[in-house]
Protein backbone atom coordinates (compact mmCIF):
# COMPACT_ATOMS: atom_id res chain seq x y z
CA UNK A 1 -10.11 12.36 -19.94
CA UNK A 2 -6.79 14.09 -20.48
CA UNK A 3 -3.69 12.40 -21.82
CA UNK A 4 -0.47 12.88 -19.92
CA UNK A 5 2.76 13.31 -21.88
CA UNK A 6 6.28 12.94 -20.54
CA UNK A 7 8.52 15.80 -21.67
CA UNK A 8 12.16 15.00 -21.06
CA UNK A 9 15.67 16.22 -21.84
CA UNK A 10 14.84 19.78 -20.87
CA UNK A 11 17.76 22.16 -20.28
CA UNK A 12 18.53 22.98 -16.63
CA UNK A 13 17.46 26.57 -17.11
CA UNK A 14 14.78 27.31 -19.67
CA UNK A 15 12.02 29.82 -20.20
CA UNK A 16 8.66 28.20 -19.38
CA UNK A 17 6.85 30.73 -21.55
CA UNK A 18 9.01 29.77 -24.53
CA UNK A 19 8.17 26.08 -24.00
CA UNK A 20 4.45 26.88 -23.63
CA UNK A 21 4.62 28.87 -26.88
CA UNK A 22 6.18 25.83 -28.54
CA UNK A 23 3.25 23.68 -27.36
CA UNK A 24 0.73 26.34 -28.44
CA UNK A 25 2.24 26.28 -31.95
CA UNK A 26 1.01 22.69 -32.25
CA UNK A 27 -2.44 23.38 -30.81
CA UNK A 28 -4.37 25.01 -27.99
CA UNK A 29 -5.09 23.15 -24.77
CA UNK A 30 -1.65 21.88 -23.75
CA UNK A 31 -0.83 22.46 -20.07
CA UNK A 32 2.78 21.88 -18.95
CA UNK A 33 4.31 21.54 -15.49
CA UNK A 34 8.05 21.09 -14.92
CA UNK A 35 9.31 18.82 -12.15
CA UNK A 36 11.58 20.84 -9.85
CA UNK A 37 14.27 19.70 -7.43
CA UNK A 38 13.15 19.95 -3.80
CA UNK A 39 16.43 21.38 -2.55
CA UNK A 40 17.54 23.73 -5.32
CA UNK A 41 14.17 24.58 -6.86
CA UNK A 42 15.64 24.18 -10.34
CA UNK A 43 14.18 22.01 -13.08
CA UNK A 44 15.18 18.34 -12.88
CA UNK A 45 15.22 18.09 -16.67
CA UNK A 46 11.73 16.79 -17.26
CA UNK A 47 8.08 17.57 -16.77
CA UNK A 48 4.58 16.55 -17.82
CA UNK A 49 2.10 18.02 -20.26
CA UNK A 50 -1.64 17.35 -20.11
CA UNK A 51 -3.56 17.32 -23.37
CA UNK A 52 -7.35 16.99 -23.63
CA UNK A 53 -7.48 15.41 -27.09
CA UNK A 54 -5.76 12.22 -28.29
CA UNK A 55 -5.23 13.67 -31.78
CA UNK A 56 -3.55 16.73 -30.28
CA UNK A 57 -1.35 14.47 -28.13
CA UNK A 58 -0.26 12.55 -31.23
CA UNK A 59 0.43 15.84 -33.02
CA UNK A 60 2.54 17.13 -30.11
CA UNK A 61 4.60 13.92 -30.08
CA UNK A 62 4.99 13.89 -33.86
CA UNK A 63 6.01 17.55 -34.18
CA UNK A 64 8.06 18.12 -31.05
CA UNK A 65 9.75 14.79 -30.21
CA UNK A 66 13.44 15.20 -31.08
CA UNK A 67 13.09 18.93 -31.74
CA UNK A 68 15.90 21.17 -30.50
CA UNK A 69 14.99 23.24 -27.45
CA UNK A 70 17.69 25.20 -25.62
CA UNK A 71 20.44 23.03 -27.09
CA UNK A 72 18.77 19.72 -26.18
CA UNK A 73 16.64 17.38 -28.29
CA UNK A 74 13.26 17.11 -26.56
CA UNK A 75 11.96 13.66 -25.69
CA UNK A 76 8.16 13.52 -25.71
CA UNK A 77 6.11 10.36 -25.22
CA UNK A 78 2.90 9.20 -23.59
CA UNK A 79 3.47 8.89 -19.86
CA UNK A 80 2.77 5.64 -18.03
CA UNK A 81 0.37 5.99 -15.14
CA UNK A 82 1.84 5.28 -11.73
CA UNK A 83 -0.63 2.36 -11.25
CA UNK A 84 0.62 0.45 -14.32
CA UNK A 85 4.28 0.45 -13.27
CA UNK A 86 5.55 -2.31 -11.00
CA UNK A 87 6.11 -1.03 -7.51
CA UNK A 88 8.86 -2.00 -5.13
CA UNK A 89 7.89 -4.18 -2.21
CA UNK A 90 8.76 -3.40 1.40
CA UNK A 91 12.49 -3.08 1.89
CA UNK A 92 13.17 -2.96 -1.86
CA UNK A 93 14.25 0.02 -3.90
CA UNK A 94 13.16 0.76 -7.40
CA UNK A 95 15.97 0.29 -9.88
CA UNK A 96 17.23 3.57 -11.27
CA UNK A 97 19.96 4.46 -13.68
CA UNK A 98 23.07 2.47 -12.87
CA UNK A 99 21.34 0.39 -10.20
CA UNK A 100 21.90 -3.33 -9.88
CA UNK A 101 19.27 -5.55 -11.48
CA UNK A 102 16.41 -6.56 -9.25
CA UNK A 103 16.61 -9.94 -7.51
CA UNK A 104 13.69 -11.21 -9.61
CA UNK A 105 15.52 -10.43 -12.86
CA UNK A 106 18.70 -12.25 -11.85
CA UNK A 107 19.03 -15.97 -12.30
CA UNK A 108 18.39 -17.63 -8.96
CA UNK A 109 21.50 -19.71 -8.25
CA UNK A 110 20.95 -20.42 -4.57
CA UNK A 111 17.20 -20.68 -4.74
CA UNK A 112 15.60 -21.79 -1.49
CA UNK A 113 12.93 -24.43 -1.96
CA UNK A 114 10.61 -25.12 0.94
CA UNK A 115 8.76 -28.37 1.46
CA UNK A 116 5.96 -29.31 3.81
CA UNK A 117 7.53 -32.64 4.79
CA UNK A 118 11.05 -32.32 6.13
CA UNK A 119 13.47 -35.23 5.70
CA UNK A 120 15.53 -35.47 8.90
CA UNK A 121 18.65 -36.63 7.02
CA UNK A 122 18.43 -34.06 4.21
CA UNK A 123 20.46 -30.88 4.58
CA UNK A 124 18.71 -27.63 5.32
CA UNK A 125 17.69 -26.22 1.90
CA UNK A 126 18.79 -22.73 2.95
CA UNK A 127 22.38 -23.98 3.10
CA UNK A 128 22.28 -26.44 0.20
CA UNK A 129 24.23 -24.11 -2.11
CA UNK A 130 26.96 -23.53 0.45
CA UNK A 131 27.09 -27.22 1.29
CA UNK A 132 27.58 -28.19 -2.36
CA UNK A 133 30.42 -25.65 -2.67
CA UNK A 134 32.08 -27.11 0.44
CA UNK A 135 31.74 -30.66 -0.88
CA UNK A 136 33.29 -29.56 -4.18
CA UNK A 137 36.23 -27.93 -2.39
CA UNK A 138 36.80 -31.04 -0.26
CA UNK A 139 36.64 -33.32 -3.29
CA UNK A 140 39.26 -31.23 -5.11
CA UNK A 141 41.65 -31.25 -2.16
CA UNK A 142 44.52 -33.69 -2.40
CA UNK A 143 46.70 -34.53 0.53
CA UNK A 144 50.30 -35.46 -0.10
CA UNK A 145 51.70 -37.86 2.49
């Protein structure tokens, strides 16, 4: 089974043969594929290398992680498989750089709690947060006569 390595912080334009030679200097059997932009066809700044041996993968990480390549310090680490990452549910987007935190990671302030037995005099739990805000505003109001 091959080990997949993430190779990041690649320069926008680089010589693939030069990068392959860099991998070959560590050991034979490293296959690299850059991830290209769909519209421009240029490198997106990262790619993946497949290595057949775990010892070779460790050697590649140890020798090349942080090494200067085309003016950038390479970032090389073992890649997570797509299955092990949490996936976004329907209608949700995966959080990227600069994205807002996911709803699950935020503290639930207006959490909706559902019950099987509904009390006819109790307020609808979906509006409980808004109702408490309204009660607070009314309590703080003073009327001068």
